[in-house]
Amino acid sequence: MRWYLRYGLSYRDVEALLGERGIEVDHVTIYRWAQTFTSEFIDPAGPARHGTGDRWFVDDTYIKA
C-alpha cells in the first residue's frame, strides 16, 4: 500500500513489484486493499503534512570545476 499511495503507482505496477519479491498477488486484490486500508494510512499522516503557505528552504548545491 505504501508504494501505491506514496509513489502513485498503478495496481499493476505494485503487482509487478511484489512479484519481483516473490509475492504473488493479483492487481484486483491490491485494488481491494487500497479501498480498505487507504484511510488508515492517510488519517495518521494528516497532521504531518505541510499546508499551503508554510515556509520551505532548499540548500543551494553546486559543483565547481
N, C-alpha and C. Protein backbone atom coordinates (compact mmCIF):
# COMPACT_ATOMS: atom_id res chain seq x y z
N MET A 1 0.82 -1.19 0.00
CA MET A 1 0.00 0.00 0.00
C MET A 1 0.86 1.25 0.00
N ARG A 2 1.97 1.20 0.69
CA ARG A 2 2.83 2.39 0.76
C ARG A 2 3.30 2.81 -0.62
N TRP A 3 3.72 1.85 -1.44
CA TRP A 3 4.19 2.19 -2.79
C TRP A 3 3.08 2.83 -3.61
N TYR A 4 1.89 2.25 -3.52
CA TYR A 4 0.76 2.77 -4.29
C TYR A 4 0.44 4.20 -3.88
N LEU A 5 0.38 4.45 -2.59
CA LEU A 5 0.00 5.78 -2.11
C LEU A 5 1.12 6.80 -2.24
N ARG A 6 2.34 6.40 -1.94
CA ARG A 6 3.45 7.35 -1.92
C ARG A 6 3.94 7.73 -3.32
N TYR A 7 4.05 6.74 -4.20
CA TYR A 7 4.67 6.98 -5.50
C TYR A 7 3.68 7.03 -6.64
N GLY A 8 2.40 6.88 -6.38
CA GLY A 8 1.40 6.99 -7.43
C GLY A 8 1.49 5.89 -8.47
N LEU A 9 1.89 4.71 -8.05
CA LEU A 9 2.00 3.59 -8.97
C LEU A 9 0.62 3.03 -9.28
N SER A 10 0.52 2.35 -10.40
CA SER A 10 -0.74 1.68 -10.73
C SER A 10 -0.82 0.36 -9.96
N TYR A 11 -2.00 -0.22 -9.93
CA TYR A 11 -2.18 -1.50 -9.25
C TYR A 11 -1.31 -2.57 -9.92
N ARG A 12 -1.21 -2.51 -11.23
CA ARG A 12 -0.39 -3.50 -11.95
C ARG A 12 1.10 -3.28 -11.68
N ASP A 13 1.52 -2.04 -11.49
CA ASP A 13 2.92 -1.77 -11.13
C ASP A 13 3.25 -2.36 -9.76
N VAL A 14 2.34 -2.19 -8.81
CA VAL A 14 2.54 -2.75 -7.47
C VAL A 14 2.55 -4.27 -7.55
N GLU A 15 1.67 -4.84 -8.38
CA GLU A 15 1.64 -6.28 -8.58
C GLU A 15 3.00 -6.76 -9.09
N ALA A 16 3.59 -6.05 -10.03
CA ALA A 16 4.89 -6.44 -10.58
C ALA A 16 5.99 -6.31 -9.53
N LEU A 17 5.98 -5.24 -8.74
CA LEU A 17 6.98 -5.07 -7.69
C LEU A 17 6.91 -6.20 -6.66
N LEU A 18 5.70 -6.55 -6.26
CA LEU A 18 5.55 -7.65 -5.31
C LEU A 18 5.96 -8.97 -5.93
N GLY A 19 5.65 -9.16 -7.21
CA GLY A 19 6.04 -10.38 -7.91
C GLY A 19 7.55 -10.55 -7.95
N GLU A 20 8.29 -9.44 -8.13
CA GLU A 20 9.75 -9.50 -8.12
C GLU A 20 10.29 -9.94 -6.77
N ARG A 21 9.51 -9.72 -5.73
CA ARG A 21 9.92 -10.11 -4.38
C ARG A 21 9.34 -11.45 -3.96
N GLY A 22 8.73 -12.15 -4.92
CA GLY A 22 8.22 -13.50 -4.65
C GLY A 22 6.83 -13.54 -4.04
N ILE A 23 6.11 -12.43 -4.07
CA ILE A 23 4.76 -12.38 -3.52
C ILE A 23 3.79 -12.33 -4.68
N GLU A 24 3.05 -13.40 -4.86
CA GLU A 24 2.09 -13.48 -5.96
C GLU A 24 0.74 -12.93 -5.50
N VAL A 25 0.33 -11.83 -6.09
CA VAL A 25 -0.94 -11.20 -5.76
C VAL A 25 -1.50 -10.56 -7.03
N ASP A 26 -2.81 -10.58 -7.16
CA ASP A 26 -3.46 -10.02 -8.34
C ASP A 26 -3.69 -8.52 -8.14
N HIS A 27 -3.70 -7.76 -9.23
CA HIS A 27 -3.91 -6.32 -9.12
C HIS A 27 -5.29 -5.98 -8.55
N VAL A 28 -6.27 -6.86 -8.74
CA VAL A 28 -7.60 -6.63 -8.17
C VAL A 28 -7.54 -6.70 -6.64
N THR A 29 -6.72 -7.59 -6.12
CA THR A 29 -6.54 -7.69 -4.67
C THR A 29 -5.92 -6.41 -4.13
N ILE A 30 -4.96 -5.86 -4.86
CA ILE A 30 -4.33 -4.60 -4.44
C ILE A 30 -5.36 -3.48 -4.45
N TYR A 31 -6.23 -3.49 -5.45
CA TYR A 31 -7.31 -2.50 -5.51
C TYR A 31 -8.19 -2.61 -4.26
N ARG A 32 -8.53 -3.83 -3.89
CA ARG A 32 -9.38 -4.03 -2.69
C ARG A 32 -8.66 -3.59 -1.43
N TRP A 33 -7.35 -3.85 -1.36
CA TRP A 33 -6.59 -3.38 -0.21
C TRP A 33 -6.61 -1.85 -0.15
N ALA A 34 -6.47 -1.22 -1.30
CA ALA A 34 -6.48 0.24 -1.34
C ALA A 34 -7.81 0.79 -0.85
N GLN A 35 -8.90 0.17 -1.27
CA GLN A 35 -10.22 0.62 -0.83
C GLN A 35 -10.39 0.44 0.67
N THR A 36 -9.82 -0.61 1.22
CA THR A 36 -9.99 -0.93 2.63
C THR A 36 -9.06 -0.14 3.54
N PHE A 37 -7.79 0.00 3.15
CA PHE A 37 -6.77 0.50 4.08
C PHE A 37 -6.29 1.91 3.82
N THR A 38 -6.69 2.57 2.75
CA THR A 38 -6.19 3.91 2.45
C THR A 38 -6.46 4.88 3.59
N SER A 39 -7.64 4.85 4.15
CA SER A 39 -7.95 5.80 5.24
C SER A 39 -7.07 5.58 6.45
N GLU A 40 -6.64 4.36 6.70
CA GLU A 40 -5.77 4.09 7.84
C GLU A 40 -4.37 4.68 7.63
N PHE A 41 -3.94 4.83 6.37
CA PHE A 41 -2.64 5.43 6.09
C PHE A 41 -2.74 6.95 5.98
N ILE A 42 -3.82 7.45 5.42
CA ILE A 42 -3.98 8.89 5.19
C ILE A 42 -4.25 9.65 6.48
N ASP A 43 -5.15 9.15 7.32
CA ASP A 43 -5.53 9.86 8.53
C ASP A 43 -4.36 10.15 9.47
N PRO A 44 -3.51 9.17 9.80
CA PRO A 44 -2.38 9.49 10.68
C PRO A 44 -1.36 10.42 10.04
N ALA A 45 -1.27 10.43 8.74
CA ALA A 45 -0.29 11.28 8.06
C ALA A 45 -0.78 12.72 7.96
N GLY A 46 -2.04 12.97 8.18
CA GLY A 46 -2.61 14.31 8.03
C GLY A 46 -1.91 15.40 8.80
N PRO A 47 -1.71 15.25 10.11
CA PRO A 47 -1.06 16.33 10.87
C PRO A 47 0.38 16.59 10.45
N ALA A 48 1.04 15.61 9.87
CA ALA A 48 2.44 15.78 9.48
C ALA A 48 2.59 16.51 8.15
N ARG A 49 1.53 16.62 7.40
CA ARG A 49 1.61 17.31 6.11
C ARG A 49 1.73 18.81 6.30
N HIS A 50 2.41 19.43 5.38
CA HIS A 50 2.54 20.89 5.41
C HIS A 50 1.42 21.51 4.60
N GLY A 51 0.84 22.54 5.13
CA GLY A 51 -0.22 23.23 4.42
C GLY A 51 0.33 24.29 3.50
N THR A 52 -0.54 24.86 2.71
CA THR A 52 -0.15 25.93 1.80
C THR A 52 0.29 27.14 2.61
N GLY A 53 1.37 27.75 2.17
CA GLY A 53 1.86 28.93 2.87
C GLY A 53 2.96 28.63 3.87
N ASP A 54 3.22 27.36 4.15
CA ASP A 54 4.34 27.03 5.02
C ASP A 54 5.64 27.43 4.34
N ARG A 55 6.63 27.71 5.12
CA ARG A 55 7.92 28.11 4.56
C ARG A 55 8.77 26.89 4.30
N TRP A 56 9.42 26.87 3.15
CA TRP A 56 10.31 25.78 2.78
C TRP A 56 11.64 26.38 2.34
N PHE A 57 12.71 25.74 2.71
CA PHE A 57 14.04 26.20 2.33
C PHE A 57 14.78 25.07 1.62
N VAL A 58 15.50 25.43 0.59
CA VAL A 58 16.30 24.46 -0.15
C VAL A 58 17.72 24.97 -0.15
N ASP A 59 18.65 24.08 0.22
CA ASP A 59 20.06 24.45 0.19
C ASP A 59 20.56 24.45 -1.24
N ASP A 60 21.37 25.46 -1.57
CA ASP A 60 21.97 25.52 -2.89
C ASP A 60 23.16 24.57 -2.93
N THR A 61 23.23 23.75 -3.94
CA THR A 61 24.35 22.83 -4.12
C THR A 61 24.92 23.05 -5.50
N TYR A 62 26.24 23.16 -5.58
CA TYR A 62 26.86 23.32 -6.89
C TYR A 62 28.22 22.61 -6.87
N ILE A 63 28.69 22.32 -8.07
CA ILE A 63 29.99 21.70 -8.23
C ILE A 63 30.86 22.67 -8.99
N LYS A 64 31.98 23.03 -8.40
CA LYS A 64 32.90 23.96 -9.03
C LYS A 64 33.95 23.15 -9.78
N ALA A 65 34.06 23.43 -11.08
CA ALA A 65 35.03 22.65 -11.88
C ALA A 65 36.35 23.34 -12.00
